[in-house]
Amino acid sequence: MTKVSIYSRSNCHLCDVALETLESFHTEFTFVIEKILIDGNLELESKYGESVPVILINDAPHDFFRVNPDRFRAAMSNLI
């Protein structure tokens, strides 16, 4: 099963939009979404800080700030 991780912060509008975009792809692809809040985790805040949301596909970096639908679709299609 493909895993899509989204590193996020609380009350992050861009993170909410990215999550909604990812969820909209459930009609096309089978994958699980793992939402990880970086709030209060010094290691994750240092690593991802101002770049959230950060999206990984199967633990490989994919996008940050926004989900590009065409790029996401292409990446998921390559996994099939």
PDB file of N, CA and C in Angstrom:
ATOM      1  N   MET A   1       0.842  -1.181   0.000  1.00  0.00           N
ATOM      2  CA  MET A   1       0.000   0.000   0.000  1.00  0.00           C
ATOM      3  C   MET A   1       0.888   1.245   0.000  1.00  0.00           C
ATOM      4  N   THR A   2       0.592   2.155  -0.860  1.00  0.00           N
ATOM      5  CA  THR A   2       1.338   3.409  -0.936  1.00  0.00           C
ATOM      6  C   THR A   2       0.985   4.286   0.257  1.00  0.00           C
ATOM      7  N   LYS A   3       2.021   4.900   0.831  1.00  0.00           N
ATOM      8  CA  LYS A   3       1.816   5.803   1.962  1.00  0.00           C
ATOM      9  C   LYS A   3       2.193   7.213   1.537  1.00  0.00           C
ATOM     10  N   VAL A   4       1.276   8.136   1.760  1.00  0.00           N
ATOM     11  CA  VAL A   4       1.536   9.549   1.520  1.00  0.00           C
ATOM     12  C   VAL A   4       1.546  10.233   2.875  1.00  0.00           C
ATOM     13  N   SER A   5       2.677  10.796   3.226  1.00  0.00           N
ATOM     14  CA  SER A   5       2.819  11.489   4.512  1.00  0.00           C
ATOM     15  C   SER A   5       2.746  12.984   4.279  1.00  0.00           C
ATOM     16  N   ILE A   6       2.095  13.670   5.207  1.00  0.00           N
ATOM     17  CA  ILE A   6       2.037  15.127   5.151  1.00  0.00           C
ATOM     18  C   ILE A   6       2.481  15.666   6.498  1.00  0.00           C
ATOM     19  N   TYR A   7       3.606  16.365   6.480  1.00  0.00           N
ATOM     20  CA  TYR A   7       4.098  17.021   7.690  1.00  0.00           C
ATOM     21  C   TYR A   7       3.413  18.378   7.757  1.00  0.00           C
ATOM     22  N   SER A   8       2.815  18.656   8.907  1.00  0.00           N
ATOM     23  CA  SER A   8       1.898  19.778   9.024  1.00  0.00           C
ATOM     24  C   SER A   8       2.060  20.472  10.369  1.00  0.00           C
ATOM     25  N   ARG A   9       1.432  21.624  10.490  1.00  0.00           N
ATOM     26  CA  ARG A   9       1.337  22.364  11.743  1.00  0.00           C
ATOM     27  C   ARG A   9      -0.134  22.585  12.059  1.00  0.00           C
ATOM     28  N   SER A  10      -0.427  22.799  13.316  1.00  0.00           N
ATOM     29  CA  SER A  10      -1.791  23.148  13.721  1.00  0.00           C
ATOM     30  C   SER A  10      -2.147  24.514  13.142  1.00  0.00           C
ATOM     31  N   ASN A  11      -3.404  24.665  12.778  1.00  0.00           N
ATOM     32  CA  ASN A  11      -3.919  25.944  12.261  1.00  0.00           C
ATOM     33  C   ASN A  11      -3.149  26.445  11.042  1.00  0.00           C
ATOM     34  N   CYS A  12      -2.791  25.533  10.184  1.00  0.00           N
ATOM     35  CA  CYS A  12      -2.044  25.866   8.961  1.00  0.00           C
ATOM     36  C   CYS A  12      -2.986  25.733   7.774  1.00  0.00           C
ATOM     37  N   HIS A  13      -3.363  26.868   7.198  1.00  0.00           N
ATOM     38  CA  HIS A  13      -4.305  26.861   6.082  1.00  0.00           C
ATOM     39  C   HIS A  13      -3.752  26.103   4.876  1.00  0.00           C
ATOM     40  N   LEU A  14      -2.487  26.330   4.533  1.00  0.00           N
ATOM     41  CA  LEU A  14      -1.890  25.610   3.399  1.00  0.00           C
ATOM     42  C   LEU A  14      -1.895  24.101   3.636  1.00  0.00           C
ATOM     43  N   CYS A  15      -1.699  23.711   4.905  1.00  0.00           N
ATOM     44  CA  CYS A  15      -1.707  22.284   5.245  1.00  0.00           C
ATOM     45  C   CYS A  15      -3.100  21.694   5.034  1.00  0.00           C
ATOM     46  N   ASP A  16      -4.119  22.438   5.444  1.00  0.00           N
ATOM     47  CA  ASP A  16      -5.497  21.977   5.263  1.00  0.00           C
ATOM     48  C   ASP A  16      -5.831  21.821   3.788  1.00  0.00           C
ATOM     49  N   VAL A  17      -5.422  22.786   2.986  1.00  0.00           N
ATOM     50  CA  VAL A  17      -5.678  22.725   1.541  1.00  0.00           C
ATOM     51  C   VAL A  17      -4.935  21.543   0.924  1.00  0.00           C
ATOM     52  N   ALA A  18      -3.691  21.332   1.323  1.00  0.00           N
ATOM     53  CA  ALA A  18      -2.908  20.206   0.794  1.00  0.00           C
ATOM     54  C   ALA A  18      -3.563  18.874   1.151  1.00  0.00           C
ATOM     55  N   LEU A  19      -4.034  18.755   2.382  1.00  0.00           N
ATOM     56  CA  LEU A  19      -4.692  17.525   2.808  1.00  0.00           C
ATOM     57  C   LEU A  19      -5.966  17.286   2.002  1.00  0.00           C
ATOM     58  N   GLU A  20      -6.747  18.324   1.776  1.00  0.00           N
ATOM     59  CA  GLU A  20      -7.967  18.194   0.965  1.00  0.00           C
ATOM     60  C   GLU A  20      -7.624  17.762  -0.457  1.00  0.00           C
ATOM     61  N   THR A  21      -6.562  18.324  -1.008  1.00  0.00           N
ATOM     62  CA  THR A  21      -6.143  17.955  -2.361  1.00  0.00           C
ATOM     63  C   THR A  21      -5.736  16.484  -2.404  1.00  0.00           C
ATOM     64  N   LEU A  22      -4.961  16.055  -1.422  1.00  0.00           N
ATOM     65  CA  LEU A  22      -4.553  14.648  -1.374  1.00  0.00           C
ATOM     66  C   LEU A  22      -5.766  13.738  -1.263  1.00  0.00           C
ATOM     67  N   GLU A  23      -6.701  14.092  -0.389  1.00  0.00           N
ATOM     68  CA  GLU A  23      -7.894  13.267  -0.197  1.00  0.00           C
ATOM     69  C   GLU A  23      -8.722  13.177  -1.471  1.00  0.00           C
ATOM     70  N   SER A  24      -8.688  14.208  -2.295  1.00  0.00           N
ATOM     71  CA  SER A  24      -9.467  14.185  -3.537  1.00  0.00           C
ATOM     72  C   SER A  24      -8.943  13.125  -4.512  1.00  0.00           C
ATOM     73  N   PHE A  25      -7.716  12.683  -4.342  1.00  0.00           N
ATOM     74  CA  PHE A  25      -7.131  11.671  -5.223  1.00  0.00           C
ATOM     75  C   PHE A  25      -7.515  10.243  -4.839  1.00  0.00           C
ATOM     76  N   HIS A  26      -8.241  10.083  -3.733  1.00  0.00           N
ATOM     77  CA  HIS A  26      -8.661   8.740  -3.344  1.00  0.00           C
ATOM     78  C   HIS A  26      -9.605   8.107  -4.361  1.00  0.00           C
ATOM     79  N   THR A  27     -10.225   8.902  -5.218  1.00  0.00           N
ATOM     80  CA  THR A  27     -11.085   8.330  -6.258  1.00  0.00           C
ATOM     81  C   THR A  27     -10.264   7.737  -7.399  1.00  0.00           C
ATOM     82  N   GLU A  28      -8.997   8.158  -7.515  1.00  0.00           N
ATOM     83  CA  GLU A  28      -8.133   7.680  -8.603  1.00  0.00           C
ATOM     84  C   GLU A  28      -7.107   6.645  -8.160  1.00  0.00           C
ATOM     85  N   PHE A  29      -6.617   6.789  -6.927  1.00  0.00           N
ATOM     86  CA  PHE A  29      -5.520   5.957  -6.453  1.00  0.00           C
ATOM     87  C   PHE A  29      -5.819   5.410  -5.063  1.00  0.00           C
ATOM     88  N   THR A  30      -5.218   4.270  -4.761  1.00  0.00           N
ATOM     89  CA  THR A  30      -5.345   3.674  -3.436  1.00  0.00           C
ATOM     90  C   THR A  30      -4.069   3.990  -2.656  1.00  0.00           C
ATOM     91  N   PHE A  31      -4.235   4.720  -1.577  1.00  0.00           N
ATOM     92  CA  PHE A  31      -3.105   5.075  -0.717  1.00  0.00           C
ATOM     93  C   PHE A  31      -3.632   5.491   0.645  1.00  0.00           C
ATOM     94  N   VAL A  32      -2.758   5.433   1.624  1.00  0.00           N
ATOM     95  CA  VAL A  32      -3.111   5.905   2.963  1.00  0.00           C
ATOM     96  C   VAL A  32      -2.396   7.228   3.191  1.00  0.00           C
ATOM     97  N   ILE A  33      -3.058   8.100   3.929  1.00  0.00           N
ATOM     98  CA  ILE A  33      -2.468   9.389   4.279  1.00  0.00           C
ATOM     99  C   ILE A  33      -2.091   9.353   5.747  1.00  0.00           C
ATOM    100  N   GLU A  34      -0.859   9.720   6.010  1.00  0.00           N
ATOM    101  CA  GLU A  34      -0.367   9.825   7.373  1.00  0.00           C
ATOM    102  C   GLU A  34      -0.090  11.305   7.636  1.00  0.00           C
ATOM    103  N   LYS A  35      -0.875  11.912   8.525  1.00  0.00           N
ATOM    104  CA  LYS A  35      -0.675  13.322   8.871  1.00  0.00           C
ATOM    105  C   LYS A  35       0.182  13.380  10.124  1.00  0.00           C
ATOM    106  N   ILE A  36       1.284  14.121  10.047  1.00  0.00           N
ATOM    107  CA  ILE A  36       2.218  14.227  11.159  1.00  0.00           C
ATOM    108  C   ILE A  36       2.351  15.691  11.536  1.00  0.00           C
ATOM    109  N   LEU A  37       1.923  16.026  12.745  1.00  0.00           N
ATOM    110  CA  LEU A  37       2.065  17.392  13.229  1.00  0.00           C
ATOM    111  C   LEU A  37       3.478  17.587  13.762  1.00  0.00           C
ATOM    112  N   ILE A  38       4.116  18.647  13.325  1.00  0.00           N
ATOM    113  CA  ILE A  38       5.484  18.905  13.769  1.00  0.00           C
ATOM    114  C   ILE A  38       5.520  19.793  15.014  1.00  0.00           C
ATOM    115  N   ASP A  39       4.376  20.339  15.399  1.00  0.00           N
ATOM    116  CA  ASP A  39       4.302  21.237  16.551  1.00  0.00           C
ATOM    117  C   ASP A  39       4.926  20.595  17.781  1.00  0.00           C
ATOM    118  N   GLY A  40       5.885  21.279  18.389  1.00  0.00           N
ATOM    119  CA  GLY A  40       6.478  20.810  19.630  1.00  0.00           C
ATOM    120  C   GLY A  40       7.557  19.755  19.479  1.00  0.00           C
ATOM    121  N   ASN A  41       7.771  19.265  18.276  1.00  0.00           N
ATOM    122  CA  ASN A  41       8.822  18.276  18.030  1.00  0.00           C
ATOM    123  C   ASN A  41      10.021  19.033  17.452  1.00  0.00           C
ATOM    124  N   LEU A  42      11.012  19.277  18.287  1.00  0.00           N
ATOM    125  CA  LEU A  42      12.142  20.106  17.877  1.00  0.00           C
ATOM    126  C   LEU A  42      12.865  19.582  16.641  1.00  0.00           C
ATOM    127  N   GLU A  43      13.000  18.277  16.547  1.00  0.00           N
ATOM    128  CA  GLU A  43      13.678  17.682  15.392  1.00  0.00           C
ATOM    129  C   GLU A  43      12.898  17.952  14.104  1.00  0.00           C
ATOM    130  N   LEU A  44      11.572  17.699  14.145  1.00  0.00           N
ATOM    131  CA  LEU A  44      10.754  17.923  12.951  1.00  0.00           C
ATOM    132  C   LEU A  44      10.612  19.401  12.634  1.00  0.00           C
ATOM    133  N   GLU A  45      10.500  20.233  13.666  1.00  0.00           N
ATOM    134  CA  GLU A  45      10.411  21.676  13.430  1.00  0.00           C
ATOM    135  C   GLU A  45      11.689  22.188  12.778  1.00  0.00           C
ATOM    136  N   SER A  46      12.832  21.656  13.203  1.00  0.00           N
ATOM    137  CA  SER A  46      14.106  22.054  12.616  1.00  0.00           C
ATOM    138  C   SER A  46      14.203  21.584  11.165  1.00  0.00           C
ATOM    139  N   LYS A  47      13.724  20.386  10.905  1.00  0.00           N
ATOM    140  CA  LYS A  47      13.824  19.786   9.569  1.00  0.00           C
ATOM    141  C   LYS A  47      12.841  20.414   8.579  1.00  0.00           C
ATOM    142  N   TYR A  48      11.574  20.619   9.019  1.00  0.00           N
ATOM    143  CA  TYR A  48      10.530  21.057   8.099  1.00  0.00           C
ATOM    144  C   TYR A  48      10.054  22.482   8.332  1.00  0.00           C
ATOM    145  N   GLY A  49      10.238  23.000   9.535  1.00  0.00           N
ATOM    146  CA  GLY A  49       9.922  24.365   9.931  1.00  0.00           C
ATOM    147  C   GLY A  49       8.972  25.158   9.058  1.00  0.00           C
ATOM    148  N   GLU A  50       9.531  26.039   8.263  1.00  0.00           N
ATOM    149  CA  GLU A  50       8.733  26.959   7.445  1.00  0.00           C
ATOM    150  C   GLU A  50       8.307  26.370   6.100  1.00  0.00           C
ATOM    151  N   SER A  51       8.604  25.116   5.854  1.00  0.00           N
ATOM    152  CA  SER A  51       8.297  24.505   4.559  1.00  0.00           C
ATOM    153  C   SER A  51       6.974  23.751   4.538  1.00  0.00           C
ATOM    154  N   VAL A  52       6.278  23.672   5.667  1.00  0.00           N
ATOM    155  CA  VAL A  52       5.044  22.885   5.715  1.00  0.00           C
ATOM    156  C   VAL A  52       3.958  23.523   4.867  1.00  0.00           C
ATOM    157  N   PRO A  53       3.107  22.703   4.314  1.00  0.00           N
ATOM    158  CA  PRO A  53       3.129  21.255   4.393  1.00  0.00           C
ATOM    159  C   PRO A  53       4.220  20.644   3.509  1.00  0.00           C
ATOM    160  N   VAL A  54       4.768  19.560   4.005  1.00  0.00           N
ATOM    161  CA  VAL A  54       5.756  18.784   3.254  1.00  0.00           C
ATOM    162  C   VAL A  54       5.118  17.431   2.967  1.00  0.00           C
ATOM    163  N   ILE A  55       5.118  17.035   1.715  1.00  0.00           N
ATOM    164  CA  ILE A  55       4.470  15.786   1.307  1.00  0.00           C
ATOM    165  C   ILE A  55       5.542  14.802   0.866  1.00  0.00           C
ATOM    166  N   LEU A  56       5.436  13.591   1.393  1.00  0.00           N
ATOM    167  CA  LEU A  56       6.322  12.495   1.012  1.00  0.00           C
ATOM    168  C   LEU A  56       5.471  11.359   0.465  1.00  0.00           C
ATOM    169  N   ILE A  57       5.979  10.663  -0.527  1.00  0.00           N
ATOM    170  CA  ILE A  57       5.319   9.469  -1.052  1.00  0.00           C
ATOM    171  C   ILE A  57       6.250   8.306  -0.759  1.00  0.00           C
ATOM    172  N   ASN A  58       5.748   7.356   0.025  1.00  0.00           N
ATOM    173  CA  ASN A  58       6.569   6.221   0.462  1.00  0.00           C
ATOM    174  C   ASN A  58       7.907   6.700   1.033  1.00  0.00           C
ATOM    175  N   ASP A  59       7.835   7.711   1.869  1.00  0.00           N
ATOM    176  CA  ASP A  59       8.973   8.295   2.591  1.00  0.00           C
ATOM    177  C   ASP A  59       9.953   9.053   1.703  1.00  0.00           C
ATOM    178  N   ALA A  60       9.650   9.234   0.433  1.00  0.00           N
ATOM    179  CA  ALA A  60      10.504  10.013  -0.460  1.00  0.00           C
ATOM    180  C   ALA A  60       9.906  11.411  -0.628  1.00  0.00           C
ATOM    181  N   PRO A  61      10.708  12.469  -0.494  1.00  0.00           N
ATOM    182  CA  PRO A  61      10.188  13.828  -0.647  1.00  0.00           C
ATOM    183  C   PRO A  61       9.494  14.012  -1.994  1.00  0.00           C
ATOM    184  N   HIS A  62       8.350  14.695  -1.948  1.00  0.00           N
ATOM    185  CA  HIS A  62       7.586  14.920  -3.174  1.00  0.00           C
ATOM    186  C   HIS A  62       7.311  16.404  -3.404  1.00  0.00           C
ATOM    187  N   ASP A  63       6.669  17.065  -2.470  1.00  0.00           N
ATOM    188  CA  ASP A  63       6.278  18.465  -2.625  1.00  0.00           C
ATOM    189  C   ASP A  63       6.327  19.173  -1.284  1.00  0.00           C
ATOM    190  N   PHE A  64       6.310  20.484  -1.332  1.00  0.00           N
ATOM    191  CA  PHE A  64       6.142  21.277  -0.128  1.00  0.00           C
ATOM    192  C   PHE A  64       5.332  22.522  -0.485  1.00  0.00           C
ATOM    193  N   PHE A  65       4.736  23.119   0.510  1.00  0.00           N
ATOM    194  CA  PHE A  65       3.843  24.279   0.413  1.00  0.00           C
ATOM    195  C   PHE A  65       2.502  23.935  -0.238  1.00  0.00           C
ATOM    196  N   ARG A  66       2.518  23.356  -1.413  1.00  0.00           N
ATOM    197  CA  ARG A  66       1.275  23.023  -2.120  1.00  0.00           C
ATOM    198  C   ARG A  66       1.444  21.676  -2.816  1.00  0.00           C
ATOM    199  N   VAL A  67       0.310  21.021  -3.055  1.00  0.00           N
ATOM    200  CA  VAL A  67       0.324  19.782  -3.835  1.00  0.00           C
ATOM    201  C   VAL A  67       0.026  20.163  -5.280  1.00  0.00           C
ATOM    202  N   ASN A  68       0.955  19.862  -6.157  1.00  0.00           N
ATOM    203  CA  ASN A  68       0.729  20.090  -7.579  1.00  0.00           C
ATOM    204  C   ASN A  68      -0.019  18.859  -8.101  1.00  0.00           C
ATOM    205  N   PRO A  69      -1.295  19.016  -8.471  1.00  0.00           N
ATOM    206  CA  PRO A  69      -2.096  17.849  -8.878  1.00  0.00           C
ATOM    207  C   PRO A  69      -1.492  17.039 -10.026  1.00  0.00           C
ATOM    208  N   ASP A  70      -0.964  17.704 -11.039  1.00  0.00           N
ATOM    209  CA  ASP A  70      -0.394  16.981 -12.179  1.00  0.00           C
ATOM    210  C   ASP A  70       0.841  16.188 -11.763  1.00  0.00           C
ATOM    211  N   ARG A  71       1.673  16.802 -10.949  1.00  0.00           N
ATOM    212  CA  ARG A  71       2.884  16.136 -10.475  1.00  0.00           C
ATOM    213  C   ARG A  71       2.546  14.964  -9.558  1.00  0.00           C
ATOM    214  N   PHE A  72       1.530  15.154  -8.698  1.00  0.00           N
ATOM    215  CA  PHE A  72       1.118  14.080  -7.796  1.00  0.00           C
ATOM    216  C   PHE A  72       0.545  12.915  -8.600  1.00  0.00           C
ATOM    217  N   ARG A  73      -0.304  13.222  -9.548  1.00  0.00           N
ATOM    218  CA  ARG A  73      -0.913  12.186 -10.401  1.00  0.00           C
ATOM    219  C   ARG A  73       0.178  11.396 -11.136  1.00  0.00           C
ATOM    220  N   ALA A  74       1.162  12.091 -11.669  1.00  0.00           N
ATOM    221  CA  ALA A  74       2.256  11.424 -12.395  1.00  0.00           C
ATOM    222  C   ALA A  74       3.052  10.530 -11.462  1.00  0.00           C
ATOM    223  N   ALA A  75       3.349  11.038 -10.266  1.00  0.00           N
ATOM    224  CA  ALA A  75       4.125  10.231  -9.305  1.00  0.00           C
ATOM    225  C   ALA A  75       3.357   8.980  -8.906  1.00  0.00           C
ATOM    226  N   MET A  76       2.064   9.131  -8.648  1.00  0.00           N
ATOM    227  CA  MET A  76       1.256   7.970  -8.249  1.00  0.00           C
ATOM    228  C   MET A  76       1.115   6.981  -9.403  1.00  0.00           C
ATOM    229  N   SER A  77       0.971   7.487 -10.600  1.00  0.00           N
ATOM    230  CA  SER A  77       0.832   6.612 -11.774  1.00  0.00           C
ATOM    231  C   SER A  77       2.107   5.787 -12.006  1.00  0.00           C
ATOM    232  N   ASN A  78       3.241   6.369 -11.688  1.00  0.00           N
ATOM    233  CA  ASN A  78       4.514   5.657 -11.849  1.00  0.00           C
ATOM    234  C   ASN A  78       4.665   4.518 -10.847  1.00  0.00           C
ATOM    235  N   LEU A  79       3.879   4.531  -9.776  1.00  0.00           N
ATOM    236  CA  LEU A  79       3.959   3.474  -8.768  1.00  0.00           C
ATOM    237  C   LEU A  79       3.106   2.259  -9.132  1.00  0.00           C
ATOM    238  N   ILE A  80       2.238   2.438 -10.088  1.00  0.00           N
ATOM    239  CA  ILE A  80       1.318   1.341 -10.454  1.00  0.00           C
ATOM    240  C   ILE A  80       2.035   0.324 -11.305  1.00  0.00           C
TER     241      ILE A  80
END
